[in-house]
Amino acid sequence: MFDNKHPSIYTIIVTYNGERWIRNCLAQLSESSLPVYAIVIDNASQDGTVDIIRNEFPNIELLKNDENKGFGAANNIAIQVALQKNADYVFLLNQDAYIEKDTVSQMVKLFQENTAYGIISPVQLNGSGTALDTNFKKYLARVSSNDLVKIEQKKYTDARIVPVRFVNAAAWLIPSAVIKKVGLFHPLFFHYGEDNNYSSRVQYHGYQVGIALNAYVLHDKTSTINKQKELLRKIKTIIRYTATDPRKDFASAYFQSWYKYFGLYNKARKDLPFYKNALETERSFLLNMQELKAIRKQMKQPL
């Protein structure tokens, strides 16, 4: 473990058919002004992702799953490796995200000055770095329009954190002490929704979630959205992370999740055969109140 000026930081990247992005992701990570260790855990990619890592980045620790375990479960494996190696911080980075030279160092500095936070994310720009990521922009609702322009143009110089209720996990820096208190990602979520759930658990334990306005990452995600699949994703995730939100008492979370269920059901009515199985699965999930209460209890336990 390093001293306080040079903490031990483990970057964890989950890959799945990421040959389009992983070379740039790892190259940019290697230029970090604050040295970081890197663990890539691959979810049984069928393209050249693993070969790129092995041949071009031999110093990267590569873990391989024999099947796609999803985002949360794969991260959990690598997080436990990082904790066993006495990491001070874990930096969860998407395979399609590219940091800048001072991204990590800026966030670490803010953490050291703001110990009330459990998760800090950098500002997420689009893949070309020319504008704020479309989805990310809504997380900055507390920031004035004038400051938004400055942030987007990288002209914002005030080193501060904006507290938010949620920011997606494209680039999360988390102190190891927080992970030990909050626990790992819960297996209830395969892919999507796990970051909503984890954010709520972090806040349940008394920490804040924030965005560092002087740190940046480029998020080079696919911009095309399939509306049918997007609604299916929402059905499979929103009901679950609403029902398991530990910030709310059981009754409040339970009734709100049914409200979400019927709202999503109404949106799915035009193509009900496509969504039928997912809706039935989530309905069964909500009706099994004993299991739901057990899951909520699990999510409040430390690592």
Protein backbone atom coordinates (compact mmCIF):
# COMPACT_ATOMS: atom_id res chain seq x y z
CA MET A 1 0.00 0.00 0.00
CA PHE A 2 1.24 3.48 -0.80
CA ASP A 3 1.24 6.43 1.57
CA ASN A 4 -1.52 9.03 1.65
CA LYS A 5 0.02 11.02 -1.19
CA HIS A 6 0.05 8.00 -3.46
CA PRO A 7 -2.86 5.73 -2.58
CA SER A 8 -3.26 2.28 -4.02
CA ILE A 9 -5.88 2.51 -6.78
CA TYR A 10 -7.20 -0.49 -8.68
CA THR A 11 -9.06 0.20 -11.89
CA ILE A 12 -11.54 -2.53 -12.80
CA ILE A 13 -12.83 -2.87 -16.34
CA VAL A 14 -15.45 -5.44 -17.30
CA THR A 15 -15.21 -6.34 -20.97
CA TYR A 16 -17.62 -8.05 -23.31
CA ASN A 17 -16.96 -7.93 -27.06
CA GLY A 18 -15.17 -4.65 -26.53
CA GLU A 19 -12.46 -4.72 -29.19
CA ARG A 20 -13.81 -1.46 -30.60
CA TRP A 21 -12.96 0.43 -27.38
CA ILE A 22 -10.56 -1.50 -25.15
CA ARG A 23 -7.34 -0.43 -26.84
CA ASN A 24 -8.10 3.26 -26.36
CA CYS A 25 -9.51 2.67 -22.88
CA LEU A 26 -6.33 1.00 -21.63
CA ALA A 27 -4.00 3.34 -23.49
CA GLN A 28 -5.59 6.37 -21.87
CA LEU A 29 -5.55 4.69 -18.48
CA SER A 30 -1.80 4.08 -18.78
CA GLU A 31 -1.27 7.86 -19.13
CA SER A 32 -2.88 8.64 -15.77
CA SER A 33 -0.81 11.14 -13.78
CA LEU A 34 -1.63 9.14 -10.66
CA PRO A 35 -0.42 5.54 -11.17
CA VAL A 36 -3.14 2.91 -11.09
CA TYR A 37 -3.20 -0.85 -11.20
CA ALA A 38 -5.59 -2.34 -13.73
CA ILE A 39 -7.67 -5.49 -13.65
CA VAL A 40 -9.68 -6.45 -16.72
CA ILE A 41 -12.30 -9.14 -16.22
CA ASP A 42 -13.68 -10.49 -19.47
CA ASN A 43 -17.20 -11.90 -19.74
CA ALA A 44 -16.45 -14.55 -22.40
CA SER A 45 -15.98 -12.15 -25.33
CA GLN A 46 -16.31 -13.68 -28.78
CA ASP A 47 -14.27 -11.02 -30.60
CA GLY A 48 -10.64 -9.93 -30.32
CA THR A 49 -10.88 -8.22 -26.93
CA VAL A 50 -8.80 -10.75 -25.03
CA ASP A 51 -6.13 -10.96 -27.73
CA ILE A 52 -5.72 -7.18 -27.75
CA ILE A 53 -5.20 -7.16 -23.98
CA ARG A 54 -2.78 -10.09 -23.99
CA ASN A 55 -0.69 -8.90 -26.92
CA GLU A 56 -0.68 -5.14 -26.44
CA PHE A 57 -1.08 -4.72 -22.67
CA PRO A 58 0.83 -7.62 -21.10
CA ASN A 59 1.11 -5.85 -17.74
CA ILE A 60 -2.65 -5.74 -17.29
CA GLU A 61 -4.03 -8.36 -14.93
CA LEU A 62 -6.56 -10.30 -17.03
CA LEU A 63 -9.26 -12.45 -15.49
CA LYS A 64 -11.50 -14.54 -17.73
CA ASN A 65 -15.01 -15.79 -17.07
CA ASP A 66 -16.19 -18.82 -19.02
CA GLU A 67 -19.60 -17.22 -19.44
CA ASN A 68 -21.12 -13.75 -19.45
CA LYS A 69 -21.74 -13.15 -15.75
CA GLY A 70 -23.06 -9.64 -16.25
CA PHE A 71 -21.78 -6.31 -15.00
CA GLY A 72 -22.26 -6.62 -11.26
CA ALA A 73 -21.07 -10.20 -10.78
CA ALA A 74 -17.95 -9.66 -12.91
CA ASN A 75 -17.10 -6.48 -11.03
CA ASN A 76 -17.57 -8.32 -7.73
CA ILE A 77 -14.90 -10.86 -8.66
CA ALA A 78 -12.35 -8.19 -9.50
CA ILE A 79 -13.29 -5.98 -6.55
CA GLN A 80 -12.53 -8.82 -4.16
CA VAL A 81 -9.13 -9.30 -5.83
CA ALA A 82 -8.42 -5.58 -5.40
CA LEU A 83 -9.43 -5.66 -1.73
CA GLN A 84 -7.22 -8.69 -1.10
CA LYS A 85 -4.34 -6.61 -2.46
CA ASN A 86 -5.13 -3.79 -0.01
CA ALA A 87 -6.51 -1.30 -2.51
CA ASP A 88 -7.32 2.10 -1.03
CA TYR A 89 -9.69 2.94 -3.87
CA VAL A 90 -11.49 0.96 -6.56
CA PHE A 91 -12.14 2.73 -9.86
CA LEU A 92 -14.88 1.08 -11.92
CA LEU A 93 -14.42 2.05 -15.55
CA ASN A 94 -16.50 1.04 -18.57
CA GLN A 95 -14.74 -0.55 -21.52
CA ASP A 96 -16.04 2.30 -23.70
CA ALA A 97 -14.80 5.08 -21.42
CA TYR A 98 -11.53 7.00 -21.79
CA ILE A 99 -10.08 8.99 -18.92
CA GLU A 100 -7.87 12.05 -19.17
CA LYS A 101 -4.44 12.37 -17.60
CA ASP A 102 -5.64 14.01 -14.38
CA THR A 103 -9.07 12.38 -14.06
CA VAL A 104 -8.15 9.98 -11.28
CA SER A 105 -5.87 12.36 -9.41
CA GLN A 106 -8.54 15.07 -9.34
CA MET A 107 -11.13 12.68 -7.92
CA VAL A 108 -8.77 11.28 -5.29
CA LYS A 109 -7.91 14.78 -4.15
CA LEU A 110 -11.60 15.60 -3.82
CA PHE A 111 -12.19 12.42 -1.83
CA GLN A 112 -9.42 13.32 0.57
CA GLU A 113 -11.04 16.71 1.12
CA ASN A 114 -14.64 15.43 1.22
CA THR A 115 -14.85 12.30 3.34
CA ALA A 116 -18.67 12.34 3.38
CA TYR A 117 -18.75 10.93 -0.16
CA GLY A 118 -18.95 7.24 -1.03
CA ILE A 119 -18.95 7.51 -4.83
CA ILE A 120 -17.46 10.18 -7.06
CA SER A 121 -17.86 10.24 -10.84
CA PRO A 122 -16.10 12.52 -13.30
CA VAL A 123 -18.04 14.60 -15.80
CA GLN A 124 -19.01 12.36 -18.71
CA LEU A 125 -18.53 13.79 -22.19
CA ASN A 126 -19.53 12.11 -25.43
CA GLY A 127 -17.08 9.91 -27.29
CA SER A 128 -15.51 12.80 -29.20
CA GLY A 129 -15.31 15.04 -26.14
CA THR A 130 -17.30 17.81 -27.82
CA ALA A 131 -20.36 17.85 -25.56
CA LEU A 132 -21.79 16.42 -22.39
CA ASP A 133 -23.07 12.88 -22.68
CA THR A 134 -26.80 13.18 -23.36
CA ASN A 135 -27.97 10.99 -20.48
CA PHE A 136 -25.35 12.32 -18.10
CA LYS A 137 -26.48 15.91 -18.57
CA LYS A 138 -29.65 15.33 -16.56
CA TYR A 139 -27.60 14.40 -13.49
CA LEU A 140 -26.25 17.96 -13.40
CA ALA A 141 -29.67 19.50 -12.83
CA ARG A 142 -28.37 21.38 -9.80
CA VAL A 143 -25.73 23.18 -11.88
CA SER A 144 -26.61 26.52 -13.46
CA SER A 145 -26.88 26.75 -17.25
CA ASN A 146 -23.89 29.10 -17.38
CA ASP A 147 -21.75 26.63 -15.46
CA LEU A 148 -22.97 23.78 -17.68
CA VAL A 149 -21.52 25.53 -20.71
CA LYS A 150 -18.21 26.04 -18.91
CA ILE A 151 -18.13 22.40 -17.80
CA GLU A 152 -18.89 21.18 -21.30
CA GLN A 153 -16.10 23.34 -22.74
CA LYS A 154 -13.69 22.35 -19.95
CA LYS A 155 -13.45 25.94 -18.80
CA TYR A 156 -14.82 25.28 -15.34
CA THR A 157 -11.95 25.63 -12.86
CA ASP A 158 -13.74 25.38 -9.51
CA ALA A 159 -12.68 22.12 -7.87
CA ARG A 160 -15.93 21.05 -6.25
CA ILE A 161 -18.37 18.19 -6.11
CA VAL A 162 -22.05 18.37 -6.98
CA PRO A 163 -24.06 16.00 -4.77
CA VAL A 164 -26.52 13.90 -6.80
CA ARG A 165 -28.98 11.16 -6.03
CA PHE A 166 -27.61 8.99 -8.85
CA VAL A 167 -24.95 8.92 -11.56
CA ASN A 168 -24.43 5.91 -13.79
CA ALA A 169 -21.42 3.68 -13.15
CA ALA A 170 -19.41 4.41 -16.31
CA ALA A 171 -16.60 5.75 -14.12
CA TRP A 172 -17.02 5.38 -10.37
CA LEU A 173 -14.25 5.95 -7.84
CA ILE A 174 -15.08 4.28 -4.51
CA PRO A 175 -12.96 4.09 -1.35
CA SER A 176 -12.39 0.51 -0.22
CA ALA A 177 -13.71 1.40 3.23
CA VAL A 178 -17.06 2.26 1.64
CA ILE A 179 -17.21 -1.05 -0.24
CA LYS A 180 -16.51 -2.96 2.97
CA LYS A 181 -19.35 -1.15 4.69
CA VAL A 182 -21.87 -1.23 1.82
CA GLY A 183 -21.00 -4.60 0.29
CA LEU A 184 -20.76 -5.75 -3.32
CA PHE A 185 -23.23 -5.52 -6.21
CA HIS A 186 -26.28 -7.68 -5.52
CA PRO A 187 -26.96 -10.66 -7.85
CA LEU A 188 -30.57 -9.54 -8.25
CA PHE A 189 -29.30 -7.42 -11.16
CA PHE A 190 -27.54 -8.93 -14.19
CA HIS A 191 -26.85 -5.88 -16.32
CA TYR A 192 -28.33 -2.42 -15.71
CA GLY A 193 -30.03 -1.38 -12.51
CA GLU A 194 -27.17 -2.52 -10.29
CA ASP A 195 -25.71 0.97 -10.20
CA ASN A 196 -29.08 2.49 -9.19
CA ASN A 197 -29.32 -0.07 -6.42
CA TYR A 198 -25.75 0.42 -5.24
CA SER A 199 -26.11 4.20 -5.17
CA SER A 200 -29.15 3.89 -2.92
CA ARG A 201 -27.29 1.53 -0.61
CA VAL A 202 -24.32 3.89 -0.39
CA GLN A 203 -26.69 6.68 0.64
CA TYR A 204 -28.49 4.40 3.09
CA HIS A 205 -25.17 3.96 4.89
CA GLY A 206 -24.77 7.70 5.24
CA TYR A 207 -22.51 8.56 2.31
CA GLN A 208 -23.16 10.95 -0.53
CA VAL A 209 -22.83 10.39 -4.28
CA GLY A 210 -21.25 13.17 -6.29
CA ILE A 211 -19.84 14.41 -9.57
CA ALA A 212 -16.39 16.01 -9.71
CA LEU A 213 -16.76 19.06 -11.93
CA ASN A 214 -13.03 19.31 -12.68
CA ALA A 215 -12.51 15.70 -13.81
CA TYR A 216 -13.53 14.26 -17.17
CA VAL A 217 -14.10 10.99 -18.96
CA LEU A 218 -15.19 10.40 -22.58
CA HIS A 219 -18.02 7.90 -22.82
CA ASP A 220 -17.95 6.45 -26.31
CA LYS A 221 -21.16 4.49 -26.10
CA THR A 222 -23.47 3.54 -28.94
CA SER A 223 -25.89 6.38 -29.58
CA THR A 224 -28.59 4.39 -31.38
CA ILE A 225 -31.42 3.38 -29.06
CA ASN A 226 -33.82 0.54 -29.78
CA LYS A 227 -37.00 1.78 -28.07
CA GLN A 228 -38.44 -1.72 -27.76
CA LYS A 229 -35.34 -3.08 -26.03
CA GLU A 230 -35.02 0.04 -23.91
CA LEU A 231 -38.52 -0.45 -22.50
CA LEU A 232 -37.73 -4.11 -21.84
CA ARG A 233 -34.61 -3.06 -19.93
CA LYS A 234 -36.66 -0.65 -17.85
CA ILE A 235 -39.21 -3.35 -16.99
CA LYS A 236 -36.41 -5.67 -15.84
CA THR A 237 -34.64 -3.07 -13.68
CA ILE A 238 -36.77 -0.14 -12.50
CA ILE A 239 -39.27 -2.24 -10.55
CA ARG A 240 -36.48 -4.11 -8.76
CA TYR A 241 -34.32 -1.19 -7.75
CA THR A 242 -37.42 0.71 -6.63
CA ALA A 243 -38.66 -2.18 -4.48
CA THR A 244 -35.24 -2.74 -2.91
CA ASP A 245 -34.36 0.90 -2.22
CA PRO A 246 -33.16 0.82 1.41
CA ARG A 247 -33.56 4.58 1.78
CA LYS A 248 -37.30 3.99 1.91
CA ASP A 249 -39.25 1.89 4.39
CA PHE A 250 -40.67 -1.33 2.98
CA ALA A 251 -44.24 -0.08 2.55
CA SER A 252 -43.19 3.06 0.67
CA ALA A 253 -40.79 1.21 -1.61
CA TYR A 254 -43.30 -1.59 -2.22
CA PHE A 255 -46.21 0.62 -3.24
CA GLN A 256 -43.96 2.82 -5.36
CA SER A 257 -42.68 -0.24 -7.21
CA TRP A 258 -46.26 -1.31 -8.02
CA TYR A 259 -46.90 2.21 -9.29
CA LYS A 260 -43.85 1.85 -11.55
CA TYR A 261 -45.03 -1.58 -12.64
CA PHE A 262 -48.41 -0.39 -13.86
CA GLY A 263 -46.85 2.63 -15.55
CA LEU A 264 -44.49 0.36 -17.48
CA TYR A 265 -47.32 -2.08 -18.19
CA ASN A 266 -49.32 0.69 -19.85
CA LYS A 267 -46.35 1.60 -22.03
CA ALA A 268 -45.95 -2.07 -23.02
CA ARG A 269 -49.60 -2.64 -23.97
CA LYS A 270 -49.08 -1.83 -27.64
CA ASP A 271 -46.69 -4.78 -27.97
CA LEU A 272 -47.75 -6.92 -25.03
CA PRO A 273 -46.63 -10.33 -26.42
CA PHE A 274 -43.02 -9.08 -26.59
CA TYR A 275 -43.03 -7.88 -22.98
CA LYS A 276 -45.33 -10.53 -21.47
CA ASN A 277 -42.66 -12.76 -19.91
CA ALA A 278 -40.76 -9.86 -18.39
CA LEU A 279 -43.92 -8.36 -16.93
CA GLU A 280 -44.96 -11.71 -15.45
CA THR A 281 -41.51 -12.19 -13.94
CA GLU A 282 -41.58 -8.80 -12.26
CA ARG A 283 -45.12 -9.32 -11.05
CA SER A 284 -44.07 -12.59 -9.43
CA PHE A 285 -41.08 -10.82 -7.91
CA LEU A 286 -43.34 -8.24 -6.25
CA LEU A 287 -45.88 -10.78 -5.07
CA ASN A 288 -43.23 -12.78 -3.21
CA MET A 289 -43.06 -10.34 -0.33
CA GLN A 290 -41.16 -12.67 2.00
CA GLU A 291 -38.30 -13.07 -0.48
CA LEU A 292 -38.32 -9.35 -1.24
CA LYS A 293 -37.94 -8.53 2.44
CA ALA A 294 -35.07 -11.01 2.68
CA ILE A 295 -33.31 -9.38 -0.29
CA ARG A 296 -33.73 -5.93 1.24
CA LYS A 297 -32.16 -7.24 4.44
CA GLN A 298 -29.24 -8.75 2.51
CA MET A 299 -28.58 -5.43 0.79
CA LYS A 300 -28.09 -3.69 4.12
CA GLN A 301 -25.32 -6.05 5.24
CA PRO A 302 -21.61 -5.11 5.07
CA LEU A 303 -19.09 -7.11 3.08
